PDB file of N, CA and C in Angstrom:
ATOM      1  N   UNK A   1      80.816 100.777 130.935  1.00  0.00           N
ATOM      2  CA  UNK A   1      82.215 101.047 130.685  1.00  0.00           C
ATOM      3  C   UNK A   1      82.472 101.255 129.192  1.00  0.00           C
ATOM      4  N   UNK A   2      81.809 100.444 128.383  1.00  0.00           N
ATOM      5  CA  UNK A   2      81.977 100.580 126.931  1.00  0.00           C
ATOM      6  C   UNK A   2      81.456 101.935 126.475  1.00  0.00           C
ATOM      7  N   UNK A   3      80.340 102.353 127.061  1.00  0.00           N
ATOM      8  CA  UNK A   3      79.764 103.658 126.702  1.00  0.00           C
ATOM      9  C   UNK A   3      80.736 104.789 127.041  1.00  0.00           C
ATOM     10  N   UNK A   4      81.388 104.708 128.198  1.00  0.00           N
ATOM     11  CA  UNK A   4      82.359 105.731 128.587  1.00  0.00           C
ATOM     12  C   UNK A   4      83.537 105.765 127.627  1.00  0.00           C
ATOM     13  N   UNK A   5      84.035 104.589 127.265  1.00  0.00           N
ATOM     14  CA  UNK A   5      85.155 104.514 126.309  1.00  0.00           C
ATOM     15  C   UNK A   5      84.773 105.126 124.967  1.00  0.00           C
ATOM     16  N   UNK A   6      83.577 104.814 124.513  1.00  0.00           N
ATOM     17  CA  UNK A   6      83.117 105.346 123.231  1.00  0.00           C
ATOM     18  C   UNK A   6      82.973 106.857 123.288  1.00  0.00           C
ATOM     19  N   UNK A   7      82.387 107.365 124.364  1.00  0.00           N
ATOM     20  CA  UNK A   7      82.222 108.817 124.493  1.00  0.00           C
ATOM     21  C   UNK A   7      83.565 109.527 124.607  1.00  0.00           C
ATOM     22  N   UNK A   8      84.507 108.934 125.309  1.00  0.00           N
ATOM     23  CA  UNK A   8      85.844 109.540 125.405  1.00  0.00           C
ATOM     24  C   UNK A   8      86.539 109.547 124.045  1.00  0.00           C
ATOM     25  N   UNK A   9      86.366 108.484 123.290  1.00  0.00           N
ATOM     26  CA  UNK A   9      86.967 108.425 121.954  1.00  0.00           C
ATOM     27  C   UNK A   9      86.361 109.476 121.039  1.00  0.00           C
ATOM     28  N   UNK A  10      85.050 109.641 121.103  1.00  0.00           N
ATOM     29  CA  UNK A  10      84.381 110.646 120.271  1.00  0.00           C
ATOM     30  C   UNK A  10      84.821 112.047 120.673  1.00  0.00           C
ATOM     31  N   UNK A  11      84.934 112.297 121.980  1.00  0.00           N
ATOM     32  CA  UNK A  11      85.381 113.611 122.448  1.00  0.00           C
ATOM     33  C   UNK A  11      86.810 113.895 121.983  1.00  0.00           C
ATOM     34  N   UNK A  12      87.691 112.895 122.072  1.00  0.00           N
ATOM     35  CA  UNK A  12      89.079 113.087 121.630  1.00  0.00           C
ATOM     36  C   UNK A  12      89.145 113.334 120.127  1.00  0.00           C
ATOM     37  N   UNK A  13      88.325 112.615 119.363  1.00  0.00           N
ATOM     38  CA  UNK A  13      88.297 112.798 117.910  1.00  0.00           C
ATOM     39  C   UNK A  13      87.814 114.206 117.561  1.00  0.00           C
ATOM     40  N   UNK A  14      86.751 114.665 118.213  1.00  0.00           N
ATOM     41  CA  UNK A  14      86.233 116.008 117.942  1.00  0.00           C
ATOM     42  C   UNK A  14      87.234 117.079 118.343  1.00  0.00           C
ATOM     43  N   UNK A  15      87.932 116.866 119.454  1.00  0.00           N
ATOM     44  CA  UNK A  15      88.956 117.815 119.871  1.00  0.00           C
ATOM     45  C   UNK A  15      90.088 117.877 118.852  1.00  0.00           C
ATOM     46  N   UNK A  16      90.463 116.730 118.329  1.00  0.00           N
ATOM     47  CA  UNK A  16      91.519 116.696 117.320  1.00  0.00           C
ATOM     48  C   UNK A  16      91.072 117.371 116.023  1.00  0.00           C
ATOM     49  N   UNK A  17      89.814 117.173 115.632  1.00  0.00           N
ATOM     50  CA  UNK A  17      89.319 117.848 114.430  1.00  0.00           C
ATOM     51  C   UNK A  17      89.343 119.361 114.598  1.00  0.00           C
ATOM     52  N   UNK A  18      89.014 119.837 115.789  1.00  0.00           N
ATOM     53  CA  UNK A  18      89.076 121.282 116.032  1.00  0.00           C
ATOM     54  C   UNK A  18      90.514 121.779 115.966  1.00  0.00           C
ATOM     55  N   UNK A  19      91.433 121.001 116.494  1.00  0.00           N
ATOM     56  CA  UNK A  19      92.854 121.352 116.386  1.00  0.00           C
ATOM     57  C   UNK A  19      93.279 121.399 114.923  1.00  0.00           C
ATOM     58  N   UNK A  20      92.790 120.458 114.158  1.00  0.00           N
ATOM     59  CA  UNK A  20      93.113 120.411 112.724  1.00  0.00           C
ATOM     60  C   UNK A  20      92.529 121.618 111.991  1.00  0.00           C
ATOM     61  N   UNK A  21      91.310 122.011 112.362  1.00  0.00           N
ATOM     62  CA  UNK A  21      90.703 123.194 111.733  1.00  0.00           C
ATOM     63  C   UNK A  21      91.514 124.453 112.019  1.00  0.00           C
ATOM     64  N   UNK A  22      91.985 124.581 113.253  1.00  0.00           N
ATOM     65  CA  UNK A  22      92.805 125.737 113.596  1.00  0.00           C
ATOM     66  C   UNK A  22      94.135 125.700 112.856  1.00  0.00           C
ATOM     67  N   UNK A  23      94.704 124.525 112.672  1.00  0.00           N
ATOM     68  CA  UNK A  23      95.957 124.399 111.922  1.00  0.00           C
ATOM     69  C   UNK A  23      95.743 124.751 110.456  1.00  0.00           C
ATOM     70  N   UNK A  24      94.561 124.444 109.919  1.00  0.00           N
ATOM     71  CA  UNK A  24      94.247 124.794 108.535  1.00  0.00           C
ATOM     72  C   UNK A  24      94.184 126.313 108.379  1.00  0.00           C
ATOM     73  N   UNK A  25      93.623 127.001 109.362  1.00  0.00           N
ATOM     74  CA  UNK A  25      93.572 128.467 109.302  1.00  0.00           C
ATOM     75  C   UNK A  25      94.971 129.069 109.292  1.00  0.00           C
ATOM     76  N   UNK A  26      95.884 128.449 110.037  1.00  0.00           N
ATOM     77  CA  UNK A  26      97.261 128.949 110.080  1.00  0.00           C
ATOM     78  C   UNK A  26      97.981 128.675 108.763  1.00  0.00           C
ATOM     79  N   UNK A  27      97.815 127.463 108.231  1.00  0.00           N
ATOM     80  CA  UNK A  27      98.575 127.072 107.041  1.00  0.00           C
ATOM     81  C   UNK A  27      97.951 127.567 105.744  1.00  0.00           C
ATOM     82  N   UNK A  28      96.636 127.738 105.706  1.00  0.00           N
ATOM     83  CA  UNK A  28      95.978 128.221 104.494  1.00  0.00           C
ATOM     84  C   UNK A  28      95.815 127.160 103.422  1.00  0.00           C
ATOM     85  N   UNK A  29      95.859 125.886 103.781  1.00  0.00           N
ATOM     86  CA  UNK A  29      95.651 124.807 102.817  1.00  0.00           C
ATOM     87  C   UNK A  29      94.298 124.153 103.095  1.00  0.00           C
ATOM     88  N   UNK A  30      93.757 123.398 102.145  1.00  0.00           N
ATOM     89  CA  UNK A  30      92.491 122.696 102.401  1.00  0.00           C
ATOM     90  C   UNK A  30      92.651 121.681 103.540  1.00  0.00           C
ATOM     91  N   UNK A  31      91.583 121.418 104.283  1.00  0.00           N
ATOM     92  CA  UNK A  31      91.681 120.520 105.431  1.00  0.00           C
ATOM     93  C   UNK A  31      92.161 119.112 105.089  1.00  0.00           C
ATOM     94  N   UNK A  32      91.793 118.598 103.928  1.00  0.00           N
ATOM     95  CA  UNK A  32      92.197 117.244 103.555  1.00  0.00           C
ATOM     96  C   UNK A  32      93.678 117.166 103.224  1.00  0.00           C
ATOM     97  N   UNK A  33      94.316 118.294 103.110  1.00  0.00           N
ATOM     98  CA  UNK A  33      95.741 118.342 102.776  1.00  0.00           C
ATOM     99  C   UNK A  33      96.624 118.119 103.993  1.00  0.00           C
ATOM    100  N   UNK A  34      96.062 118.280 105.215  1.00  0.00           N
ATOM    101  CA  UNK A  34      96.829 118.028 106.427  1.00  0.00           C
ATOM    102  C   UNK A  34      96.690 116.560 106.818  1.00  0.00           C
ATOM    103  N   UNK A  35      97.779 115.970 107.201  1.00  0.00           N
ATOM    104  CA  UNK A  35      97.788 114.566 107.599  1.00  0.00           C
ATOM    105  C   UNK A  35      97.140 114.403 108.971  1.00  0.00           C
ATOM    106  N   UNK A  36      96.110 113.569 109.029  1.00  0.00           N
ATOM    107  CA  UNK A  36      95.429 113.326 110.295  1.00  0.00           C
ATOM    108  C   UNK A  36      96.388 112.709 111.310  1.00  0.00           C
ATOM    109  N   UNK A  37      97.177 111.740 110.887  1.00  0.00           N
ATOM    110  CA  UNK A  37      98.091 111.048 111.789  1.00  0.00           C
ATOM    111  C   UNK A  37      99.169 111.985 112.316  1.00  0.00           C
ATOM    112  N   UNK A  38      99.721 112.806 111.453  1.00  0.00           N
ATOM    113  CA  UNK A  38     100.763 113.726 111.899  1.00  0.00           C
ATOM    114  C   UNK A  38     100.203 114.787 112.837  1.00  0.00           C
ATOM    115  N   UNK A  39      98.990 115.265 112.563  1.00  0.00           N
ATOM    116  CA  UNK A  39      98.362 116.233 113.465  1.00  0.00           C
ATOM    117  C   UNK A  39      98.120 115.582 114.820  1.00  0.00           C
ATOM    118  N   UNK A  40      97.648 114.328 114.813  1.00  0.00           N
ATOM    119  CA  UNK A  40      97.427 113.622 116.078  1.00  0.00           C
ATOM    120  C   UNK A  40      98.734 113.451 116.837  1.00  0.00           C
ATOM    121  N   UNK A  41      99.809 113.087 116.151  1.00  0.00           N
ATOM    122  CA  UNK A  41     101.101 112.913 116.822  1.00  0.00           C
ATOM    123  C   UNK A  41     101.583 114.208 117.454  1.00  0.00           C
ATOM    124  N   UNK A  42     101.463 115.331 116.736  1.00  0.00           N
ATOM    125  CA  UNK A  42     101.869 116.631 117.282  1.00  0.00           C
ATOM    126  C   UNK A  42     101.025 116.981 118.508  1.00  0.00           C
ATOM    127  N   UNK A  43      99.726 116.738 118.389  1.00  0.00           N
ATOM    128  CA  UNK A  43      98.785 117.024 119.468  1.00  0.00           C
ATOM    129  C   UNK A  43      99.123 116.183 120.705  1.00  0.00           C
ATOM    130  N   UNK A  44      99.366 114.910 120.503  1.00  0.00           N
ATOM    131  CA  UNK A  44      99.643 114.005 121.619  1.00  0.00           C
ATOM    132  C   UNK A  44     100.966 114.348 122.306  1.00  0.00           C
ATOM    133  N   UNK A  45     102.006 114.560 121.523  1.00  0.00           N
ATOM    134  CA  UNK A  45     103.324 114.834 122.095  1.00  0.00           C
ATOM    135  C   UNK A  45     103.358 116.195 122.779  1.00  0.00           C
ATOM    136  N   UNK A  46     102.781 117.212 122.142  1.00  0.00           N
ATOM    137  CA  UNK A  46     102.886 118.570 122.668  1.00  0.00           C
ATOM    138  C   UNK A  46     101.922 118.857 123.809  1.00  0.00           C
ATOM    139  N   UNK A  47     100.785 118.172 123.838  1.00  0.00           N
ATOM    140  CA  UNK A  47      99.782 118.511 124.846  1.00  0.00           C
ATOM    141  C   UNK A  47      99.468 117.383 125.827  1.00  0.00           C
ATOM    142  N   UNK A  48      99.280 116.186 125.335  1.00  0.00           N
ATOM    143  CA  UNK A  48      98.804 115.126 126.215  1.00  0.00           C
ATOM    144  C   UNK A  48      99.895 114.495 127.063  1.00  0.00           C
ATOM    145  N   UNK A  49     101.099 114.431 126.564  1.00  0.00           N
ATOM    146  CA  UNK A  49     102.169 113.751 127.301  1.00  0.00           C
ATOM    147  C   UNK A  49     103.003 114.700 128.156  1.00  0.00           C
ATOM    148  N   UNK A  50     102.569 115.924 128.280  1.00  0.00           N
ATOM    149  CA  UNK A  50     103.302 116.898 129.081  1.00  0.00           C
ATOM    150  C   UNK A  50     102.722 116.959 130.485  1.00  0.00           C
ATOM    151  N   UNK A  51     103.546 117.270 131.473  1.00  0.00           N
ATOM    152  CA  UNK A  51     103.024 117.403 132.833  1.00  0.00           C
ATOM    153  C   UNK A  51     102.125 118.634 132.953  1.00  0.00           C
ATOM    154  N   UNK A  52     101.271 118.669 133.958  1.00  0.00           N
ATOM    155  CA  UNK A  52     100.402 119.841 134.151  1.00  0.00           C
ATOM    156  C   UNK A  52     101.226 121.114 134.311  1.00  0.00           C
ATOM    157  N   UNK A  53     100.636 122.217 133.848  1.00  0.00           N
ATOM    158  CA  UNK A  53     101.348 123.494 133.879  1.00  0.00           C
ATOM    159  C   UNK A  53     100.336 124.618 134.052  1.00  0.00           C
ATOM    160  N   UNK A  54     100.823 125.824 134.363  1.00  0.00           N
ATOM    161  CA  UNK A  54      99.915 126.981 134.449  1.00  0.00           C
ATOM    162  C   UNK A  54      99.288 127.284 133.086  1.00  0.00           C
ATOM    163  N   UNK A  55      98.246 128.078 133.094  1.00  0.00           N
ATOM    164  CA  UNK A  55      97.485 128.371 131.887  1.00  0.00           C
ATOM    165  C   UNK A  55      98.348 129.012 130.798  1.00  0.00           C
ATOM    166  N   UNK A  56      99.228 129.927 131.164  1.00  0.00           N
ATOM    167  CA  UNK A  56     100.081 130.588 130.165  1.00  0.00           C
ATOM    168  C   UNK A  56     100.982 129.573 129.454  1.00  0.00           C
ATOM    169  N   UNK A  57     101.526 128.649 130.232  1.00  0.00           N
ATOM    170  CA  UNK A  57     102.380 127.615 129.632  1.00  0.00           C
ATOM    171  C   UNK A  57     101.554 126.708 128.728  1.00  0.00           C
ATOM    172  N   UNK A  58     100.349 126.379 129.154  1.00  0.00           N
ATOM    173  CA  UNK A  58      99.459 125.525 128.369  1.00  0.00           C
ATOM    174  C   UNK A  58      99.118 126.195 127.038  1.00  0.00           C
ATOM    175  N   UNK A  59      98.837 127.485 127.059  1.00  0.00           N
ATOM    176  CA  UNK A  59      98.530 128.211 125.818  1.00  0.00           C
ATOM    177  C   UNK A  59      99.745 128.266 124.904  1.00  0.00           C
ATOM    178  N   UNK A  60     100.948 128.410 125.481  1.00  0.00           N
ATOM    179  CA  UNK A  60     102.160 128.404 124.666  1.00  0.00           C
ATOM    180  C   UNK A  60     102.359 127.041 123.997  1.00  0.00           C
ATOM    181  N   UNK A  61     102.098 125.965 124.752  1.00  0.00           N
ATOM    182  CA  UNK A  61     102.192 124.619 124.187  1.00  0.00           C
ATOM    183  C   UNK A  61     101.175 124.417 123.067  1.00  0.00           C
ATOM    184  N   UNK A  62      99.968 124.946 123.294  1.00  0.00           N
ATOM    185  CA  UNK A  62      98.917 124.816 122.279  1.00  0.00           C
ATOM    186  C   UNK A  62      99.301 125.548 121.002  1.00  0.00           C
ATOM    187  N   UNK A  63      99.834 126.752 121.125  1.00  0.00           N
ATOM    188  CA  UNK A  63     100.264 127.507 119.944  1.00  0.00           C
ATOM    189  C   UNK A  63     101.387 126.778 119.203  1.00  0.00           C
ATOM    190  N   UNK A  64     102.312 126.199 119.968  1.00  0.00           N
ATOM    191  CA  UNK A  64     103.411 125.461 119.343  1.00  0.00           C
ATOM    192  C   UNK A  64     102.894 124.209 118.634  1.00  0.00           C
ATOM    193  N   UNK A  65     101.939 123.514 119.259  1.00  0.00           N
ATOM    194  CA  UNK A  65     101.366 122.313 118.639  1.00  0.00           C
ATOM    195  C   UNK A  65     100.626 122.671 117.352  1.00  0.00           C
ATOM    196  N   UNK A  66      99.900 123.786 117.355  1.00  0.00           N
ATOM    197  CA  UNK A  66      99.182 124.211 116.139  1.00  0.00           C
ATOM    198  C   UNK A  66     100.156 124.586 115.024  1.00  0.00           C
ATOM    199  N   UNK A  67     101.231 125.272 115.386  1.00  0.00           N
ATOM    200  CA  UNK A  67     102.226 125.652 114.366  1.00  0.00           C
ATOM    201  C   UNK A  67     102.867 124.407 113.769  1.00  0.00           C
ATOM    202  N   UNK A  68     103.167 123.414 114.597  1.00  0.00           N
ATOM    203  CA  UNK A  68     103.754 122.178 114.077  1.00  0.00           C
ATOM    204  C   UNK A  68     102.747 121.407 113.243  1.00  0.00           C
ATOM    205  N   UNK A  69     101.491 121.391 113.670  1.00  0.00           N
ATOM    206  CA  UNK A  69     100.459 120.676 112.919  1.00  0.00           C
ATOM    207  C   UNK A  69     100.201 121.345 111.571  1.00  0.00           C
ATOM    208  N   UNK A  70     100.348 122.663 111.501  1.00  0.00           N
ATOM    209  CA  UNK A  70     100.132 123.372 110.245  1.00  0.00           C
ATOM    210  C   UNK A  70     101.194 123.005 109.209  1.00  0.00           C
ATOM    211  N   UNK A  71     102.342 122.523 109.669  1.00  0.00           N
ATOM    212  CA  UNK A  71     103.404 122.122 108.740  1.00  0.00           C
ATOM    213  C   UNK A  71     103.293 120.664 108.326  1.00  0.00           C
ATOM    214  N   UNK A  72     102.307 119.938 108.830  1.00  0.00           N
ATOM    215  CA  UNK A  72     102.156 118.501 108.550  1.00  0.00           C
ATOM    216  C   UNK A  72     101.341 118.293 107.283  1.00  0.00           C
ATOM    217  N   UNK A  73     101.835 118.823 106.182  1.00  0.00           N
ATOM    218  CA  UNK A  73     101.093 118.754 104.925  1.00  0.00           C
ATOM    219  C   UNK A  73     101.381 117.452 104.190  1.00  0.00           C
ATOM    220  N   UNK A  74     100.369 116.973 103.530  1.00  0.00           N
ATOM    221  CA  UNK A  74     100.532 115.825 102.645  1.00  0.00           C
ATOM    222  C   UNK A  74     101.007 116.326 101.286  1.00  0.00           C
ATOM    223  N   UNK A  75     101.724 115.520 100.520  1.00  0.00           N
ATOM    224  CA  UNK A  75     102.158 115.968  99.196  1.00  0.00           C
ATOM    225  C   UNK A  75     100.961 116.160  98.266  1.00  0.00           C
ATOM    226  N   UNK A  76     101.095 117.105  97.373  1.00  0.00           N
ATOM    227  CA  UNK A  76     100.035 117.369  96.408  1.00  0.00           C
ATOM    228  C   UNK A  76     100.181 116.376  95.262  1.00  0.00           C
ATOM    229  N   UNK A  77      99.202 115.498  95.112  1.00  0.00           N
ATOM    230  CA  UNK A  77      99.267 114.459  94.082  1.00  0.00           C
ATOM    231  C   UNK A  77      98.030 114.559  93.198  1.00  0.00           C
ATOM    232  N   UNK A  78      98.055 115.454  92.211  1.00  0.00           N
ATOM    233  CA  UNK A  78      96.877 115.612  91.357  1.00  0.00           C
ATOM    234  C   UNK A  78      96.707 114.435  90.402  1.00  0.00           C
ATOM    235  N   UNK A  79      95.492 114.231  89.967  1.00  0.00           N
ATOM    236  CA  UNK A  79      95.215 113.220  88.960  1.00  0.00           C
ATOM    237  C   UNK A  79      95.298 111.803  89.480  1.00  0.00           C
ATOM    238  N   UNK A  80      95.106 111.598  90.760  1.00  0.00           N
ATOM    239  CA  UNK A  80      95.167 110.244  91.313  1.00  0.00           C
ATOM    240  C   UNK A  80      93.791 109.619  91.234  1.00  0.00           C
ATOM    241  N   UNK A  81      93.475 109.097  90.092  1.00  0.00           N
ATOM    242  CA  UNK A  81      92.199 108.431  89.901  1.00  0.00           C
ATOM    243  C   UNK A  81      92.475 107.035  89.356  1.00  0.00           C
ATOM    244  N   UNK A  82      92.039 106.049  90.076  1.00  0.00           N
ATOM    245  CA  UNK A  82      92.289 104.675  89.675  1.00  0.00           C
ATOM    246  C   UNK A  82      90.967 104.006  89.329  1.00  0.00           C
ATOM    247  N   UNK A  83      90.966 103.134  88.328  1.00  0.00           N
ATOM    248  CA  UNK A  83      89.722 102.420  88.024  1.00  0.00           C
ATOM    249  C   UNK A  83      89.373 101.469  89.161  1.00  0.00           C
ATOM    250  N   UNK A  84      88.101 101.279  89.365  1.00  0.00           N
ATOM    251  CA  UNK A  84      87.654 100.369  90.407  1.00  0.00           C
ATOM    252  C   UNK A  84      87.861  98.934  89.975  1.00  0.00           C
ATOM    253  N   UNK A  85      88.262  98.100  90.905  1.00  0.00           N
ATOM    254  CA  UNK A  85      88.424  96.682  90.623  1.00  0.00           C
ATOM    255  C   UNK A  85      87.524  95.905  91.564  1.00  0.00           C
ATOM    256  N   UNK A  86      86.866  94.931  91.012  1.00  0.00           N
ATOM    257  CA  UNK A  86      86.035  94.069  91.845  1.00  0.00           C
ATOM    258  C   UNK A  86      86.848  92.860  92.266  1.00  0.00           C
ATOM    259  N   UNK A  87      86.752  92.525  93.519  1.00  0.00           N
ATOM    260  CA  UNK A  87      87.448  91.345  94.008  1.00  0.00           C
ATOM    261  C   UNK A  87      86.595  90.118  93.685  1.00  0.00           C
ATOM    262  N   UNK A  88      87.221  89.022  93.318  1.00  0.00           N
ATOM    263  CA  UNK A  88      86.434  87.829  92.990  1.00  0.00           C
ATOM    264  C   UNK A  88      85.714  87.310  94.233  1.00  0.00           C
ATOM    265  N   UNK A  89      84.555  86.752  93.996  1.00  0.00           N
ATOM    266  CA  UNK A  89      83.785  86.218  95.115  1.00  0.00           C
ATOM    267  C   UNK A  89      84.391  84.918  95.605  1.00  0.00           C
ATOM    268  N   UNK A  90      84.252  84.699  96.879  1.00  0.00           N
ATOM    269  CA  UNK A  90      84.736  83.475  97.491  1.00  0.00           C
ATOM    270  C   UNK A  90      83.767  82.356  97.152  1.00  0.00           C
ATOM    271  N   UNK A  91      84.296  81.183  96.899  1.00  0.00           N
ATOM    272  CA  UNK A  91      83.445  80.041  96.583  1.00  0.00           C
ATOM    273  C   UNK A  91      82.624  79.659  97.804  1.00  0.00           C
ATOM    274  N   UNK A  92      81.382  79.301  97.585  1.00  0.00           N
ATOM    275  CA  UNK A  92      80.516  78.894  98.688  1.00  0.00           C
ATOM    276  C   UNK A  92      80.917  77.502  99.154  1.00  0.00           C
ATOM    277  N   UNK A  93      80.771  77.282 100.430  1.00  0.00           N
ATOM    278  CA  UNK A  93      81.199  75.997 100.971  1.00  0.00           C
ATOM    279  C   UNK A  93      80.274  74.864 100.532  1.00  0.00           C
ATOM    280  N   UNK A  94      79.031  75.167 100.169  1.00  0.00           N
ATOM    281  CA  UNK A  94      78.104  74.114  99.754  1.00  0.00           C
ATOM    282  C   UNK A  94      78.310  73.713  98.304  1.00  0.00           C
ATOM    283  N   UNK A  95      79.101  74.464  97.582  1.00  0.00           N
ATOM    284  CA  UNK A  95      79.323  74.171  96.167  1.00  0.00           C
ATOM    285  C   UNK A  95      79.960  72.797  95.989  1.00  0.00           C
ATOM    286  N   UNK A  96      80.882  72.464  96.871  1.00  0.00           N
ATOM    287  CA  UNK A  96      81.606  71.212  96.739  1.00  0.00           C
ATOM    288  C   UNK A  96      80.743  70.018  97.160  1.00  0.00           C
ATOM    289  N   UNK A  97      79.755  70.248  97.967  1.00  0.00           N
ATOM    290  CA  UNK A  97      78.867  69.156  98.377  1.00  0.00           C
ATOM    291  C   UNK A  97      78.041  68.663  97.199  1.00  0.00           C
ATOM    292  N   UNK A  98      77.621  69.578  96.357  1.00  0.00           N
ATOM    293  CA  UNK A  98      76.789  69.213  95.214  1.00  0.00           C
ATOM    294  C   UNK A  98      77.616  68.647  94.065  1.00  0.00           C
ATOM    295  N   UNK A  99      78.878  68.969  94.028  1.00  0.00           N
ATOM    296  CA  UNK A  99      79.708  68.558  92.901  1.00  0.00           C
ATOM    297  C   UNK A  99      80.415  67.228  93.141  1.00  0.00           C
ATOM    298  N   UNK A 100      80.068  66.497  94.187  1.00  0.00           N
ATOM    299  CA  UNK A 100      80.730  65.228  94.446  1.00  0.00           C
ATOM    300  C   UNK A 100      80.318  64.203  93.388  1.00  0.00           C
ATOM    301  N   UNK A 101      81.287  63.450  92.904  1.00  0.00           N
ATOM    302  CA  UNK A 101      80.928  62.420  91.907  1.00  0.00           C
ATOM    303  C   UNK A 101      80.143  61.282  92.561  1.00  0.00           C
ATOM    304  N   UNK A 102      79.291  60.703  91.780  1.00  0.00           N
ATOM    305  CA  UNK A 102      78.498  59.576  92.297  1.00  0.00           C
ATOM    306  C   UNK A 102      79.372  58.349  92.374  1.00  0.00           C
ATOM    307  N   UNK A 103      79.187  57.507  93.378  1.00  0.00           N
ATOM    308  CA  UNK A 103      80.034  56.317  93.482  1.00  0.00           C
ATOM    309  C   UNK A 103      79.736  55.358  92.352  1.00  0.00           C
ATOM    310  N   UNK A 104      80.775  54.745  91.851  1.00  0.00           N
ATOM    311  CA  UNK A 104      80.626  53.793  90.731  1.00  0.00           C
ATOM    312  C   UNK A 104      80.041  52.477  91.253  1.00  0.00           C
ATOM    313  N   UNK A 105      79.054  51.972  90.558  1.00  0.00           N
ATOM    314  CA  UNK A 105      78.441  50.719  90.968  1.00  0.00           C
ATOM    315  C   UNK A 105      78.999  49.583  90.109  1.00  0.00           C
ATOM    316  N   UNK A 106      79.098  48.377  90.683  1.00  0.00           N
ATOM    317  CA  UNK A 106      79.635  47.229  89.952  1.00  0.00           C
ATOM    318  C   UNK A 106      78.564  46.380  89.413  1.00  0.00           C
TER     319      UNK A 106
END
């Protein structure tokens, strides 16, 4: 069952990437400029959540979904380069075992 779920997810992802490639051809922008989430939303609403229909209607829906996906552009934000930051390491749990004070003797 897990294998089927994984294969279905991969097939859906590849289908969405192909839809995104076709939307890029329509819009003429680089592929990374189209929002993956917005393309998925257009694809899901226009194609997956619709009742079955004849082939001509399906092709019309597909063309409409591609046109909407082509308009799902991300803003152009040049020069977005941030310095890398290292997160501090978490203290090891054994550190406190070694650092216990010795009991005072009388």
